[in-house]
Structure formats: C-alpha cells, structure tokens
C-alpha cells in the first residue's frame, strides 16, 4: 500500500459538504452533500494517473437530480447497477435506491430504514458500499446504537460497538445480515468543543473484502490544535460469524477481525490548514500494473470560515 498527499482544487471544485462518492465510469464520479437542499448528487471528473495513482486534476460537472428536503442529510452514495445508485440518508435513517436517468423522487425502487429511536443524534448511517463479487450492499451505523451502549467521548473513552449490515442484492426482500464491529479507543482525553468518533465510510474491494474507515475528529474551543485521525482497516466478512441486528449485545459475542491498512492524521495549525474530515471513499481505477486506487474526499463544511478545504486523497493497494 502507498499513499499520495491530499490535494484540493479550489479553482475547479466549488466548496461543499461532500460526504460520499462513487464511480460512474469514464473518470466521472458522483458525490453527495450532507447539506444539499436542491441537488441529489454532484458529478465531478477526476484525472488520476494510470501509472502512479496520483490525482492530477479535478473538474466540476454540476448538480444532478433533485431532493425533496434539506432534512435528507445524504451521507453516502454507491452505484449498485448500470442505472441506479443507493444513497444513505442520515436525516431519514434510511438507504434508498435512485435511478441515474431520472429526477423522480418517489421512484418506487428499493428502500430500507431503521427507527429513529435506535440511534443517538447525528450518529446514523454515514456509509454505503457494494460488493460486486457476492452482490451485497453494505452499510454500518456511524457510532454505537442505543441498545449497544453509548458513543465514546474524550471523557468516556471506550470501544464503540457497531453493526456491519449486509443486504443480499439478488434477494432484496430478505432480512439483512449483520456483524459486530469493534472500533479502536479514542486517542485523546482532552476536553473538546466538538468530538466525533465513528466509522465514516465503507468501500468494497474487487475481491469482496471491505475497507472500513474509522474517523476521530477532535476540535477544541480555540480551533487551533484540531485534528482528524483516520484509520483504514480491512475486513473479510466471508470468514466471520453473523450476529442478528436486533439481538442484544451479549458477553462473548463474536466481533469481526480487522487488519490495519493505513493510518494518517490531519491537523489545523497556525499557518497550515491541512485539517481534513474524510467522509467519502470509493474504488478508483486500476493502474496499468494491476494495482487498485482508492479515492477519498473530505467534508469541508462548505469551506468553513474560508479556512477548510475540500481535500481529495488517493491510496494505492498493490496487487499481490
């Protein structure tokens, strides 16, 4: 595995609240915004070197579709067929399928949700991934469900327990299968103005394994010293034991095994504004040598205070 430095393209990509990304083909990617009150998603073209995997340039292609409410809080998008995508809405506690060739809102396609009372506020669905090998759609609650405990904080540090949820896309009416996932401990115990600890995105690899992005965002009152710690883990669900989604957490319950692939931390300092809250992740192109590119995009909160940027990052997984 190798990483490329993050890049922003302020002259070609307008500031946004980009929180999910999926490839559409021909170097075009769809991104969702968690605060959009008009467009369903936004298309961009990413120019990625087929030799190195470095992102060279980005081009904004404009909004697509429409939304019926700003309360959707769309956090993730994944292409599940030639003609449809699934979008995870935190505001509606749901995953919903949309057609790429129509602006219809109520299109009668697949939809699934959980009760609002199952979640802590702002800790619902941030992720969506599609496994083309086993034809499974994946999502995960961002932080601990109410039935499983409380979300970790800097003053109450512990391992968040999440539910990886899989849908059989060849039999969408079947009940989902879930697995228990245990996050790492918080890395700080300092008092925070804002603190977010959870899984911000999933990505299915070409062999069916899952990438899980653990994200810890720490912002103090003075803003300076803020950091965002990202850890990218690999999980292979084929060798794990399911745990029913509605089953209470019991001692000795089976957690999935995870292997660390990459770890990085971005910071906000006096002179360097490199802080990046990565919320979107998807497959990029395969390189000429067979290596696989992973594309990540951060949420700049619409370029907050003229300081935060919409950062993009690519990671290359070497072919075995």
Foldseek 3Di string as FASTA:
>chain_A
DDWDDKDFDCPADFFAQWAAWEDLDPQKIWTAGQQDQFARTWIKGWDAALAPRDTDDMHTDGGAATDDGSLQRWQYWYDQDNFKIWIHGPSQQKIDIDGRPDNDDPPPDDMDGDDPQQADPPFGWNEWEAAPVQGKIKTKGFFATVLAPDGADLQRKDWTKMWIWIARNVCRVDHIWIAIATHDIDPHNDDAPDWGWGWQYWYADNVGKIKTKTWIWGAHPVRAFTKIKIWIKIFRCVPFDTDDPPDGDDPPGTHTDIDTDDIDMFGPHDPDLRHFAWRYKYWDDQHPQRKTKIKIWGGQVSCPPVRGGTIIIIDIHDDD
